[in-house]
């Protein structure tokens, strides 16, 4: 379906209005009038885009300021912004692939952090045998903080089962948790603890909950300083400075939207009882449904959700997304539809 404007809580398809419970704009920022006004002012100051390298002799102050803010919020020594979340992942993987690290990936890890020669973390549901031997080696484990088609954060208890002879670099994609999970939307990165971890690296797209184009890498200062010198980063365009300033100037608004999202989730999930075909978590703004013809049925009743075939998954998905912009009446209507199945 092709539409002619960005969907918010409603969407127009073939001149008909539907309620829209799809996309990834969890905080509802792309269509928020206050956020748009801030962005318009930022574009006037910084231009529509700055296509230069971050290593150019002319450096914009907004990058350091925003990256310092992100570092404080996430709880790391340093961060580095990029033009996309995928580029953030590729930068990290390209650098780590230069060493003799052995790569392992959690099931259904996002392609942005999936190294071409990576080994599966589990074999038939059991931790890979090489991770249980006493051979000393450096390894990289890549995974998503919240997997596609899941509604709970990934469990990291498997890290304690890995042999202490392994030096683990953990790469976590927080694209679908930053801005949502954590008391202030900071994600789950700083809650991941294990005595076996040598280094933690976070990458994320900023274009989901936070509603701005770009990506981010968060880690210790030494790693970030090294990535800044990598040829791929030096030769890449930077993140959009106007969007970064809009993020900095909208902190109160973002926290307000975060609270509105939590309020909407509390309202929707209160006393909600659904069939086992639905997967949901009271603290996460996504529900999944595997009922046949669910998408067609809910569309006939005036509701559009996300429906497509996701990479690394066998079947298509029915993805129902709650945002901060949905009204109570929207949620009442959705709730009535869900319980009817």
Protein backbone atom coordinates (compact mmCIF):
# COMPACT_ATOMS: atom_id res chain seq x y z
CA UNK A 1 0.00 0.00 0.00
CA UNK A 2 1.36 3.38 -1.03
CA UNK A 3 0.37 6.41 1.06
CA UNK A 4 0.93 10.11 0.43
CA UNK A 5 1.67 11.32 3.95
CA UNK A 6 3.37 10.07 7.09
CA UNK A 7 0.92 8.03 9.21
CA UNK A 8 0.37 8.91 12.86
CA UNK A 9 -2.47 7.40 14.89
CA UNK A 10 -4.52 7.30 11.69
CA UNK A 11 -3.66 6.53 8.08
CA UNK A 12 -5.40 7.32 4.79
CA UNK A 13 -5.51 4.52 2.23
CA UNK A 14 -7.46 4.96 -1.00
CA UNK A 15 -9.19 7.97 0.55
CA UNK A 16 -10.39 5.91 3.51
CA UNK A 17 -9.24 6.63 7.07
CA UNK A 18 -8.09 3.78 9.31
CA UNK A 19 -6.69 3.65 12.81
CA UNK A 20 -2.97 2.93 12.48
CA UNK A 21 -1.14 0.62 14.86
CA UNK A 22 2.07 0.05 12.92
CA UNK A 23 5.50 1.50 12.21
CA UNK A 24 8.24 2.17 14.77
CA UNK A 25 7.53 5.74 15.93
CA UNK A 26 6.88 4.55 19.47
CA UNK A 27 7.13 8.02 21.05
CA UNK A 28 5.12 9.67 18.29
CA UNK A 29 7.80 12.28 17.64
CA UNK A 30 7.81 12.49 13.81
CA UNK A 31 4.30 14.00 13.76
CA UNK A 32 4.49 15.89 17.04
CA UNK A 33 3.94 19.61 16.33
CA UNK A 34 6.34 20.79 19.03
CA UNK A 35 9.08 18.47 17.82
CA UNK A 36 8.51 19.56 14.23
CA UNK A 37 8.77 23.23 15.23
CA UNK A 38 12.04 22.56 17.02
CA UNK A 39 13.32 20.68 13.99
CA UNK A 40 12.36 23.55 11.68
CA UNK A 41 14.37 25.98 13.81
CA UNK A 42 17.31 23.59 13.87
CA UNK A 43 17.27 23.26 10.09
CA UNK A 44 17.37 27.05 9.81
CA UNK A 45 20.50 27.02 11.97
CA UNK A 46 22.30 23.94 10.62
CA UNK A 47 20.85 23.55 7.12
CA UNK A 48 18.93 20.58 5.71
CA UNK A 49 21.99 18.32 5.76
CA UNK A 50 25.75 18.48 6.27
CA UNK A 51 27.41 16.05 3.87
CA UNK A 52 30.96 16.44 5.13
CA UNK A 53 33.20 13.96 6.88
CA UNK A 54 33.53 14.29 10.66
CA UNK A 55 37.30 14.41 10.07
CA UNK A 56 37.10 17.55 7.96
CA UNK A 57 38.97 20.67 9.12
CA UNK A 58 35.56 22.32 9.76
CA UNK A 59 33.83 20.64 12.70
CA UNK A 60 30.31 21.34 13.96
CA UNK A 61 29.97 21.69 17.73
CA UNK A 62 26.60 19.94 17.84
CA UNK A 63 28.17 16.52 17.36
CA UNK A 64 30.30 16.58 20.51
CA UNK A 65 27.46 18.11 22.54
CA UNK A 66 24.93 15.48 21.50
CA UNK A 67 27.35 12.61 21.92
CA UNK A 68 28.20 13.77 25.43
CA UNK A 69 24.47 13.86 26.23
CA UNK A 70 23.93 10.36 24.86
CA UNK A 71 26.92 9.08 26.87
CA UNK A 72 25.44 10.42 30.12
CA UNK A 73 22.01 9.01 29.34
CA UNK A 74 23.20 5.55 28.32
CA UNK A 75 25.85 5.43 31.05
CA UNK A 76 29.01 4.92 28.98
CA UNK A 77 32.31 6.74 28.58
CA UNK A 78 31.70 7.86 25.00
CA UNK A 79 29.30 7.66 22.07
CA UNK A 80 29.65 8.31 18.36
CA UNK A 81 26.80 9.23 16.01
CA UNK A 82 26.57 7.96 12.43
CA UNK A 83 24.27 8.54 9.49
CA UNK A 84 22.34 5.31 10.17
CA UNK A 85 22.02 2.43 12.58
CA UNK A 86 23.11 0.01 9.88
CA UNK A 87 26.31 2.00 9.33
CA UNK A 88 26.92 1.94 13.09
CA UNK A 89 26.69 -1.85 13.03
CA UNK A 90 28.89 -2.21 9.96
CA UNK A 91 31.56 0.08 11.44
CA UNK A 92 31.76 -2.04 14.57
CA UNK A 93 31.79 -5.36 12.72
CA UNK A 94 34.37 -4.22 10.17
CA UNK A 95 36.76 -3.13 12.90
CA UNK A 96 36.28 -6.24 15.06
CA UNK A 97 36.70 -8.48 11.98
CA UNK A 98 40.27 -7.22 11.52
CA UNK A 99 41.38 -9.17 14.58
CA UNK A 100 41.39 -12.92 15.19
CA UNK A 101 38.10 -12.80 17.03
CA UNK A 102 35.70 -15.69 16.55
CA UNK A 103 32.17 -14.40 16.02
CA UNK A 104 29.00 -15.90 17.46
CA UNK A 105 25.45 -14.65 17.02
CA UNK A 106 22.27 -15.05 18.99
CA UNK A 107 19.41 -16.66 17.04
CA UNK A 108 17.71 -14.26 14.59
CA UNK A 109 20.22 -11.46 15.13
CA UNK A 110 19.61 -8.38 12.95
CA UNK A 111 21.64 -8.37 9.69
CA UNK A 112 23.29 -5.06 10.68
CA UNK A 113 25.39 -6.89 13.27
CA UNK A 114 25.59 -10.32 11.66
CA UNK A 115 29.17 -11.06 10.59
CA UNK A 116 29.39 -13.23 7.47
CA UNK A 117 31.44 -15.99 9.15
CA UNK A 118 29.65 -15.87 12.48
CA UNK A 119 28.81 -19.13 14.24
CA UNK A 120 25.48 -19.81 15.95
CA UNK A 121 25.60 -19.17 19.68
CA UNK A 122 23.47 -22.25 20.32
CA UNK A 123 23.45 -25.68 18.70
CA UNK A 124 20.15 -27.52 19.12
CA UNK A 125 19.33 -25.24 22.02
CA UNK A 126 22.67 -25.85 23.77
CA UNK A 127 25.52 -23.36 24.07
CA UNK A 128 28.04 -23.91 21.25
CA UNK A 129 30.58 -26.52 22.31
CA UNK A 130 33.52 -24.24 21.49
CA UNK A 131 32.30 -21.78 24.11
CA UNK A 132 32.53 -24.44 26.80
CA UNK A 133 36.12 -25.57 26.24
CA UNK A 134 39.21 -24.16 27.99
CA UNK A 135 40.97 -22.81 24.90
CA UNK A 136 41.92 -19.18 25.47
CA UNK A 137 40.57 -16.93 22.73
CA UNK A 138 38.87 -13.62 22.02
CA UNK A 139 35.26 -13.90 20.89
CA UNK A 140 32.56 -11.51 19.75
CA UNK A 141 28.89 -12.16 20.48
CA UNK A 142 26.28 -10.13 18.60
CA UNK A 143 22.61 -9.92 19.49
CA UNK A 144 19.56 -7.68 19.68
CA UNK A 145 18.39 -6.24 23.00
CA UNK A 146 14.86 -7.04 21.86
CA UNK A 147 14.59 -9.45 18.94
CA UNK A 148 12.13 -8.91 16.12
CA UNK A 149 8.92 -10.83 16.90
CA UNK A 150 9.74 -10.74 20.62
CA UNK A 151 8.37 -8.50 23.36
CA UNK A 152 10.80 -9.18 26.19
CA UNK A 153 14.47 -8.17 26.40
CA UNK A 154 16.95 -10.89 25.50
CA UNK A 155 18.06 -12.95 28.51
CA UNK A 156 21.81 -12.67 29.09
CA UNK A 157 22.23 -15.43 31.65
CA UNK A 158 23.93 -17.60 29.01
CA UNK A 159 27.03 -15.40 29.40
CA UNK A 160 27.78 -16.96 32.78
CA UNK A 161 27.85 -20.42 31.19
CA UNK A 162 30.66 -19.50 28.80
CA UNK A 163 34.12 -20.74 29.75
CA UNK A 164 36.16 -18.11 31.65
CA UNK A 165 38.97 -18.76 29.15
CA UNK A 166 37.00 -16.72 26.59
CA UNK A 167 37.43 -12.94 26.40
CA UNK A 168 33.99 -11.70 25.36
CA UNK A 169 33.22 -8.58 23.37
CA UNK A 170 29.44 -8.17 23.46
CA UNK A 171 27.75 -6.16 20.68
CA UNK A 172 24.14 -5.25 21.44
CA UNK A 173 21.66 -3.68 19.00
CA UNK A 174 19.26 -1.45 20.96
CA UNK A 175 17.31 -0.08 18.00
CA UNK A 176 13.98 -1.28 19.41
CA UNK A 177 14.68 -0.59 23.08
CA UNK A 178 16.40 2.80 23.28
CA UNK A 179 13.78 5.45 23.98
CA UNK A 180 11.40 2.78 25.32
CA UNK A 181 12.92 0.56 28.00
CA UNK A 182 14.61 1.79 31.16
CA UNK A 183 13.25 4.33 33.61
CA UNK A 184 14.13 7.23 31.28
CA UNK A 185 14.19 5.34 27.99
CA UNK A 186 17.94 4.77 28.16
CA UNK A 187 17.61 1.13 27.11
CA UNK A 188 18.97 -1.96 28.85
CA UNK A 189 22.68 -1.71 28.01
CA UNK A 190 23.86 -0.87 31.51
CA UNK A 191 21.83 -3.70 33.05
CA UNK A 192 23.86 -6.34 31.16
CA UNK A 193 26.44 -7.72 33.57
CA UNK A 194 28.69 -10.77 33.53
CA UNK A 195 32.15 -11.46 34.88
CA UNK A 196 33.04 -12.89 31.47
CA UNK A 197 32.49 -9.67 29.53
CA UNK A 198 35.69 -7.92 28.48
CA UNK A 199 34.01 -5.11 26.50
CA UNK A 200 30.41 -4.04 25.80
CA UNK A 201 29.43 -2.13 22.66
CA UNK A 202 25.99 -0.79 21.89
CA UNK A 203 24.75 0.19 18.44
CA UNK A 204 21.31 1.52 17.58
CA UNK A 205 19.22 3.30 15.01
CA UNK A 206 17.92 6.65 16.25
CA UNK A 207 15.08 6.51 13.76
CA UNK A 208 12.70 4.35 15.81
CA UNK A 209 11.44 5.71 19.14
CA UNK A 210 13.62 8.84 19.02
CA UNK A 211 12.32 9.85 15.60
CA UNK A 212 15.56 11.24 14.14
CA UNK A 213 17.70 10.03 11.26
CA UNK A 214 21.00 8.54 12.29
CA UNK A 215 22.67 5.85 14.34
CA UNK A 216 24.83 5.62 17.43
CA UNK A 217 27.72 3.57 18.84
CA UNK A 218 28.26 3.55 22.60
CA UNK A 219 31.25 1.99 24.39
CA UNK A 220 34.42 2.77 26.32
CA UNK A 221 36.43 5.82 25.25
CA UNK A 222 39.29 3.79 23.75
CA UNK A 223 36.99 1.90 21.41
CA UNK A 224 35.08 5.01 20.28
CA UNK A 225 38.32 6.91 19.63
CA UNK A 226 39.53 3.99 17.51
CA UNK A 227 36.32 3.85 15.46
CA UNK A 228 36.62 7.59 14.75
CA UNK A 229 39.88 6.86 12.92
CA UNK A 230 38.51 4.00 10.81
CA UNK A 231 38.49 4.63 7.05
CA UNK A 232 34.78 3.80 6.72
CA UNK A 233 33.84 6.40 9.35
CA UNK A 234 36.22 9.05 8.02
CA UNK A 235 34.85 8.63 4.49
CA UNK A 236 31.17 8.60 5.53
CA UNK A 237 28.76 11.49 5.79
CA UNK A 238 27.85 12.44 9.34
CA UNK A 239 24.51 12.28 11.12
CA UNK A 240 22.16 15.16 10.35
CA UNK A 241 23.17 18.02 12.71
CA UNK A 242 19.68 19.60 12.67
CA UNK A 243 18.16 16.36 13.95
CA UNK A 244 20.78 16.04 16.67
CA UNK A 245 20.10 19.57 17.91
CA UNK A 246 16.36 18.87 17.83
CA UNK A 247 16.98 15.86 20.06
CA UNK A 248 19.01 17.95 22.51
CA UNK A 249 16.39 20.71 22.61
CA UNK A 250 13.47 18.29 23.08
CA UNK A 251 14.47 16.43 26.24
CA UNK A 252 11.42 17.53 28.25
CA UNK A 253 9.11 16.68 25.36
CA UNK A 254 10.72 13.26 24.91
CA UNK A 255 10.28 12.44 28.59
CA UNK A 256 6.66 13.56 28.41
CA UNK A 257 6.06 11.35 25.37
CA UNK A 258 7.78 8.47 27.16
CA UNK A 259 5.37 8.84 30.07
CA UNK A 260 2.39 9.06 27.70
CA UNK A 261 3.51 5.80 26.09
CA UNK A 262 3.73 4.10 29.48
CA UNK A 263 0.27 5.42 30.37
CA UNK A 264 -1.14 4.07 27.11
CA UNK A 265 0.37 0.65 27.76
CA UNK A 266 -1.05 0.57 31.28
CA UNK A 267 -4.49 1.50 29.92
CA UNK A 268 -4.45 -1.07 27.09
CA UNK A 269 -3.14 -4.00 29.10
CA UNK A 270 -5.30 -3.48 32.18
CA UNK A 271 -7.36 -6.67 32.57
CA UNK A 272 -6.53 -7.63 28.98
CA UNK A 273 -6.92 -11.36 28.40
CA UNK A 274 -6.01 -12.69 24.97
CA UNK A 275 -5.62 -16.08 23.34
CA UNK A 276 -2.23 -17.77 23.30
CA UNK A 277 -1.90 -16.76 19.65
CA UNK A 278 -1.03 -13.27 20.89
CA UNK A 279 2.41 -12.42 22.26
CA UNK A 280 2.71 -9.30 24.41
CA UNK A 281 4.40 -7.75 27.44
CA UNK A 282 2.71 -5.06 29.54
CA UNK A 283 5.82 -2.84 29.40
CA UNK A 284 6.53 -3.05 25.67
CA UNK A 285 4.56 -1.26 22.93
CA UNK A 286 4.30 -4.17 20.48
CA UNK A 287 1.98 -7.17 20.23
CA UNK A 288 2.33 -10.05 17.77
CA UNK A 289 -0.40 -12.34 16.52
CA UNK A 290 -0.13 -15.58 14.54
CA UNK A 291 -3.84 -16.10 13.82
CA UNK A 292 -4.50 -16.88 10.16
CA UNK A 293 -6.14 -14.00 8.26
CA UNK A 294 -5.77 -11.73 11.29
CA UNK A 295 -4.47 -8.85 9.19
CA UNK A 296 -7.34 -9.04 6.72
CA UNK A 297 -9.94 -9.27 9.49
CA UNK A 298 -8.65 -6.33 11.48
CA UNK A 299 -8.32 -4.24 8.31
CA UNK A 300 -11.97 -4.88 7.46
CA UNK A 301 -12.79 -3.36 10.84
CA UNK A 302 -10.88 -0.15 10.14
CA UNK A 303 -7.48 -0.91 11.70
CA UNK A 304 -4.13 -1.17 9.88
CA UNK A 305 -1.13 -2.87 11.47
CA UNK A 306 2.35 -3.78 10.23
CA UNK A 307 2.34 -6.92 8.10
CA UNK A 308 5.33 -8.17 6.08
CA UNK A 309 7.96 -10.90 5.83
CA UNK A 310 10.85 -10.07 8.16
CA UNK A 311 14.44 -11.22 7.37
CA UNK A 312 15.62 -14.35 9.22
CA UNK A 313 12.03 -15.44 9.97
CA UNK A 314 10.11 -18.17 8.17
CA UNK A 315 6.67 -16.56 8.04
CA UNK A 316 5.20 -13.08 7.73
CA UNK A 317 4.35 -11.14 10.87
CA UNK A 318 1.35 -9.32 12.26
CA UNK A 319 2.85 -6.52 14.36
CA UNK A 320 0.60 -4.25 16.43
CA UNK A 321 2.36 -1.08 17.63
CA UNK A 322 1.19 1.28 20.37
CA UNK A 323 2.54 4.84 20.36
CA UNK A 324 2.41 7.80 22.70
CA UNK A 325 0.03 9.54 20.29
CA UNK A 326 -2.79 7.00 20.44
CA UNK A 327 -5.85 8.22 22.29
CA UNK A 328 -7.82 6.28 24.88
CA UNK A 329 -10.65 5.87 22.37
CA UNK A 330 -8.17 4.40 19.86
CA UNK A 331 -7.03 1.89 22.46
CA UNK A 332 -10.59 0.99 23.47
CA UNK A 333 -11.36 0.18 19.85
CA UNK A 334 -8.18 -1.87 19.45
CA UNK A 335 -8.81 -3.72 22.68
CA UNK A 336 -12.33 -4.65 21.57
CA UNK A 337 -10.94 -6.03 18.32
CA UNK A 338 -8.21 -8.06 20.01
CA UNK A 339 -10.49 -9.76 22.50
CA UNK A 340 -12.92 -10.68 19.70
CA UNK A 341 -10.48 -13.20 18.26
